[in-house]
Amino acid sequence: MWRSLSILFTVGALFVCLSFSKTVAAEAAPAGQKLFLDNKCTQCHAIDALKIAKAKSDKGEEDEEASEGGKKVDPPDLSDAGKDKDHDAAWFSKWLMKEEKVEGRKHKKKFKGSPEELKTMSEWLTTLKFDAPKKKDGGGKKEKASSDE
């Protein structure tokens, strides 16, 4: 009888722990999204999968793109930001603090929130594992023109 109670208690405790961890993860997602919006990350980035649009600039479209050495860089939609296995929460924290580079470039703006907020947003970014949106004509990288035209 003690063995049955012990097994039942263990299974119950495991169930409670798993339920709690999913609840904590679910609560982190909205907190990270709120930080993303509050820190005005939409000035450069969109997350189409969550219907978060890039903010319209009053200064014109040129200001929405980052300029690096005369080259214009279109900041990416972050719908699939969490898909890269090399980019965990620690990596995102370094990237947002301008301590990491991508293709020789650092993030345009250094994160100004608290260490806890940085951790929350970085963990949230790793949850963004949606399909990347299709590039629209005239935006982002240009494809080579076909010689069949």
C-alpha atoms as a PDB file:
ATOM      1  CA  MET A   1       0.000   0.000   0.000  1.00  0.00           C
ATOM      2  CA  TRP A   2       2.831   2.418   0.829  1.00  0.00           C
ATOM      3  CA  ARG A   3       4.380   1.715  -2.531  1.00  0.00           C
ATOM      4  CA  SER A   4       1.114   2.562  -4.324  1.00  0.00           C
ATOM      5  CA  LEU A   5       0.776   5.802  -2.357  1.00  0.00           C
ATOM      6  CA  SER A   6       4.407   6.666  -3.063  1.00  0.00           C
ATOM      7  CA  ILE A   7       3.937   6.143  -6.807  1.00  0.00           C
ATOM      8  CA  LEU A   8       0.699   8.118  -6.776  1.00  0.00           C
ATOM      9  CA  PHE A   9       2.366  10.983  -4.875  1.00  0.00           C
ATOM     10  CA  THR A  10       5.342  11.012  -7.279  1.00  0.00           C
ATOM     11  CA  VAL A  11       3.099  11.096 -10.362  1.00  0.00           C
ATOM     12  CA  GLY A  12       0.998  13.869  -8.807  1.00  0.00           C
ATOM     13  CA  ALA A  13       4.070  15.946  -7.931  1.00  0.00           C
ATOM     14  CA  LEU A  14       5.461  15.476 -11.441  1.00  0.00           C
ATOM     15  CA  PHE A  15       2.145  16.606 -12.943  1.00  0.00           C
ATOM     16  CA  VAL A  16       2.094  19.735 -10.755  1.00  0.00           C
ATOM     17  CA  CYS A  17       5.705  20.602 -11.680  1.00  0.00           C
ATOM     18  CA  LEU A  18       5.093  20.184 -15.402  1.00  0.00           C
ATOM     19  CA  SER A  19       1.916  22.247 -15.258  1.00  0.00           C
ATOM     20  CA  PHE A  20       3.710  25.015 -13.374  1.00  0.00           C
ATOM     21  CA  SER A  21       6.649  25.142 -15.826  1.00  0.00           C
ATOM     22  CA  LYS A  22       4.274  25.475 -18.802  1.00  0.00           C
ATOM     23  CA  THR A  23       2.409  28.263 -17.012  1.00  0.00           C
ATOM     24  CA  VAL A  24       5.641  30.154 -16.303  1.00  0.00           C
ATOM     25  CA  ALA A  25       6.731  29.803 -19.957  1.00  0.00           C
ATOM     26  CA  ALA A  26       3.306  30.964 -21.167  1.00  0.00           C
ATOM     27  CA  GLU A  27       3.475  34.027 -18.913  1.00  0.00           C
ATOM     28  CA  ALA A  28       6.982  34.912 -20.190  1.00  0.00           C
ATOM     29  CA  ALA A  29       5.760  35.118 -23.784  1.00  0.00           C
ATOM     30  CA  PRO A  30       3.330  38.019 -23.231  1.00  0.00           C
ATOM     31  CA  ALA A  31       5.880  39.771 -20.995  1.00  0.00           C
ATOM     32  CA  GLY A  32       8.553  39.523 -23.707  1.00  0.00           C
ATOM     33  CA  GLN A  33       6.118  40.752 -26.335  1.00  0.00           C
ATOM     34  CA  LYS A  34       5.136  43.684 -24.108  1.00  0.00           C
ATOM     35  CA  LEU A  35       8.814  44.591 -23.662  1.00  0.00           C
ATOM     36  CA  PHE A  36       9.315  44.352 -27.435  1.00  0.00           C
ATOM     37  CA  LEU A  37       6.494  46.842 -27.958  1.00  0.00           C
ATOM     38  CA  ASP A  38       7.377  49.103 -25.001  1.00  0.00           C
ATOM     39  CA  ASN A  39      11.005  49.377 -26.154  1.00  0.00           C
ATOM     40  CA  LYS A  40       9.783  50.458 -29.598  1.00  0.00           C
ATOM     41  CA  CYS A  41      11.454  47.562 -31.388  1.00  0.00           C
ATOM     42  CA  THR A  42       8.728  48.004 -34.022  1.00  0.00           C
ATOM     43  CA  GLN A  43      10.524  51.111 -35.251  1.00  0.00           C
ATOM     44  CA  CYS A  44      12.724  48.650 -37.147  1.00  0.00           C
ATOM     45  CA  HIS A  45      11.213  45.166 -36.814  1.00  0.00           C
ATOM     46  CA  ALA A  46       7.910  43.456 -37.525  1.00  0.00           C
ATOM     47  CA  ILE A  47       6.675  40.046 -36.424  1.00  0.00           C
ATOM     48  CA  ASP A  48       4.160  39.177 -39.118  1.00  0.00           C
ATOM     49  CA  ALA A  49       3.295  35.828 -37.513  1.00  0.00           C
ATOM     50  CA  LEU A  50       1.976  37.674 -34.431  1.00  0.00           C
ATOM     51  CA  LYS A  51       0.468  40.484 -36.506  1.00  0.00           C
ATOM     52  CA  ILE A  52       2.953  43.000 -35.081  1.00  0.00           C
ATOM     53  CA  ALA A  53       3.672  45.526 -37.824  1.00  0.00           C
ATOM     54  CA  LYS A  54       6.704  47.723 -38.261  1.00  0.00           C
ATOM     55  CA  ALA A  55       5.794  51.267 -37.197  1.00  0.00           C
ATOM     56  CA  LYS A  56       5.418  53.875 -39.899  1.00  0.00           C
ATOM     57  CA  SER A  57       8.076  56.567 -39.756  1.00  0.00           C
ATOM     58  CA  ASP A  58       7.163  60.236 -40.014  1.00  0.00           C
ATOM     59  CA  LYS A  59      10.604  60.906 -41.492  1.00  0.00           C
ATOM     60  CA  GLY A  60      10.164  58.710 -44.535  1.00  0.00           C
ATOM     61  CA  GLU A  61      10.955  55.177 -45.498  1.00  0.00           C
ATOM     62  CA  GLU A  62      14.727  55.712 -45.635  1.00  0.00           C
ATOM     63  CA  ASP A  63      14.874  56.192 -41.857  1.00  0.00           C
ATOM     64  CA  GLU A  64      13.244  52.806 -41.272  1.00  0.00           C
ATOM     65  CA  GLU A  65      16.277  51.052 -42.713  1.00  0.00           C
ATOM     66  CA  ALA A  66      19.588  50.871 -40.920  1.00  0.00           C
ATOM     67  CA  SER A  67      22.478  52.461 -42.757  1.00  0.00           C
ATOM     68  CA  GLU A  68      25.850  50.743 -42.447  1.00  0.00           C
ATOM     69  CA  GLY A  69      28.758  52.258 -44.347  1.00  0.00           C
ATOM     70  CA  GLY A  70      26.499  53.679 -47.041  1.00  0.00           C
ATOM     71  CA  LYS A  71      24.687  50.340 -47.476  1.00  0.00           C
ATOM     72  CA  LYS A  72      21.038  50.147 -46.519  1.00  0.00           C
ATOM     73  CA  VAL A  73      20.108  47.171 -44.376  1.00  0.00           C
ATOM     74  CA  ASP A  74      16.463  46.187 -44.070  1.00  0.00           C
ATOM     75  CA  PRO A  75      15.925  44.935 -40.490  1.00  0.00           C
ATOM     76  CA  PRO A  76      14.406  41.449 -40.566  1.00  0.00           C
ATOM     77  CA  ASP A  77      10.935  40.339 -39.629  1.00  0.00           C
ATOM     78  CA  LEU A  78      11.454  38.365 -36.409  1.00  0.00           C
ATOM     79  CA  SER A  79       8.748  35.724 -36.924  1.00  0.00           C
ATOM     80  CA  ASP A  80      11.406  32.998 -37.195  1.00  0.00           C
ATOM     81  CA  ALA A  81      14.031  34.502 -34.862  1.00  0.00           C
ATOM     82  CA  GLY A  82      13.988  31.481 -32.553  1.00  0.00           C
ATOM     83  CA  LYS A  83      14.576  28.892 -35.279  1.00  0.00           C
ATOM     84  CA  ASP A  84      18.367  29.335 -35.426  1.00  0.00           C
ATOM     85  CA  LYS A  85      19.801  26.741 -33.041  1.00  0.00           C
ATOM     86  CA  ASP A  86      22.913  28.888 -32.482  1.00  0.00           C
ATOM     87  CA  HIS A  87      20.818  31.789 -31.207  1.00  0.00           C
ATOM     88  CA  ASP A  88      19.696  30.950 -27.676  1.00  0.00           C
ATOM     89  CA  ALA A  89      18.554  33.452 -25.030  1.00  0.00           C
ATOM     90  CA  ALA A  90      22.156  34.160 -23.989  1.00  0.00           C
ATOM     91  CA  TRP A  91      23.062  34.965 -27.601  1.00  0.00           C
ATOM     92  CA  PHE A  92      20.056  37.301 -27.995  1.00  0.00           C
ATOM     93  CA  SER A  93      21.056  39.079 -24.776  1.00  0.00           C
ATOM     94  CA  LYS A  94      24.560  39.686 -26.126  1.00  0.00           C
ATOM     95  CA  TRP A  95      23.180  40.777 -29.523  1.00  0.00           C
ATOM     96  CA  LEU A  96      20.796  43.282 -27.926  1.00  0.00           C
ATOM     97  CA  MET A  97      23.629  44.633 -25.761  1.00  0.00           C
ATOM     98  CA  LYS A  98      25.797  45.105 -28.895  1.00  0.00           C
ATOM     99  CA  GLU A  99      28.277  42.444 -27.745  1.00  0.00           C
ATOM    100  CA  GLU A 100      27.634  40.098 -30.690  1.00  0.00           C
ATOM    101  CA  LYS A 101      27.817  40.552 -34.472  1.00  0.00           C
ATOM    102  CA  VAL A 102      25.847  39.172 -37.399  1.00  0.00           C
ATOM    103  CA  GLU A 103      27.494  39.428 -40.806  1.00  0.00           C
ATOM    104  CA  GLY A 104      29.990  41.875 -39.301  1.00  0.00           C
ATOM    105  CA  ARG A 105      27.283  44.168 -37.890  1.00  0.00           C
ATOM    106  CA  LYS A 106      26.067  44.817 -34.356  1.00  0.00           C
ATOM    107  CA  HIS A 107      22.451  45.511 -33.408  1.00  0.00           C
ATOM    108  CA  LYS A 108      21.555  49.118 -34.227  1.00  0.00           C
ATOM    109  CA  LYS A 109      20.411  50.103 -30.716  1.00  0.00           C
ATOM    110  CA  LYS A 110      21.635  48.887 -27.347  1.00  0.00           C
ATOM    111  CA  PHE A 111      18.888  47.502 -25.077  1.00  0.00           C
ATOM    112  CA  LYS A 112      18.209  49.989 -22.264  1.00  0.00           C
ATOM    113  CA  GLY A 113      16.042  47.912 -19.928  1.00  0.00           C
ATOM    114  CA  SER A 114      16.991  46.067 -16.752  1.00  0.00           C
ATOM    115  CA  PRO A 115      18.899  42.758 -16.788  1.00  0.00           C
ATOM    116  CA  GLU A 116      15.628  40.983 -15.905  1.00  0.00           C
ATOM    117  CA  GLU A 117      13.835  42.638 -18.825  1.00  0.00           C
ATOM    118  CA  LEU A 118      16.691  41.723 -21.153  1.00  0.00           C
ATOM    119  CA  LYS A 119      16.438  38.108 -20.035  1.00  0.00           C
ATOM    120  CA  THR A 120      12.650  38.080 -20.490  1.00  0.00           C
ATOM    121  CA  MET A 121      12.813  39.557 -23.988  1.00  0.00           C
ATOM    122  CA  SER A 122      15.706  37.293 -25.019  1.00  0.00           C
ATOM    123  CA  GLU A 123      13.832  34.191 -23.841  1.00  0.00           C
ATOM    124  CA  TRP A 124      10.721  35.372 -25.678  1.00  0.00           C
ATOM    125  CA  LEU A 125      12.670  35.867 -28.923  1.00  0.00           C
ATOM    126  CA  THR A 126      13.741  32.210 -28.777  1.00  0.00           C
ATOM    127  CA  THR A 127      10.057  31.194 -28.819  1.00  0.00           C
ATOM    128  CA  LEU A 128       9.483  32.853 -32.216  1.00  0.00           C
ATOM    129  CA  LYS A 129       9.655  29.784 -34.430  1.00  0.00           C
ATOM    130  CA  PHE A 130       7.089  30.619 -37.083  1.00  0.00           C
ATOM    131  CA  ASP A 131       7.669  30.449 -40.820  1.00  0.00           C
ATOM    132  CA  ALA A 132       9.405  33.554 -42.119  1.00  0.00           C
ATOM    133  CA  PRO A 133       7.136  35.780 -44.175  1.00  0.00           C
ATOM    134  CA  LYS A 134       7.623  35.905 -47.914  1.00  0.00           C
ATOM    135  CA  LYS A 135       9.531  38.962 -49.135  1.00  0.00           C
ATOM    136  CA  LYS A 136       7.322  41.522 -50.823  1.00  0.00           C
ATOM    137  CA  ASP A 137       8.352  43.092 -54.132  1.00  0.00           C
ATOM    138  CA  GLY A 138      10.637  46.032 -53.591  1.00  0.00           C
ATOM    139  CA  GLY A 139      11.494  45.139 -50.005  1.00  0.00           C
ATOM    140  CA  GLY A 140      14.514  43.455 -48.501  1.00  0.00           C
ATOM    141  CA  LYS A 141      17.024  41.557 -50.577  1.00  0.00           C
ATOM    142  CA  LYS A 142      16.635  41.767 -54.296  1.00  0.00           C
ATOM    143  CA  GLU A 143      16.667  38.580 -56.308  1.00  0.00           C
ATOM    144  CA  LYS A 144      18.715  38.218 -59.471  1.00  0.00           C
ATOM    145  CA  ALA A 145      16.758  39.039 -62.565  1.00  0.00           C
ATOM    146  CA  SER A 146      16.030  36.060 -64.751  1.00  0.00           C
ATOM    147  CA  SER A 147      17.739  35.965 -68.139  1.00  0.00           C
ATOM    148  CA  ASP A 148      14.512  34.595 -69.673  1.00  0.00           C
ATOM    149  CA  GLU A 149      12.857  38.027 -69.675  1.00  0.00           C
END
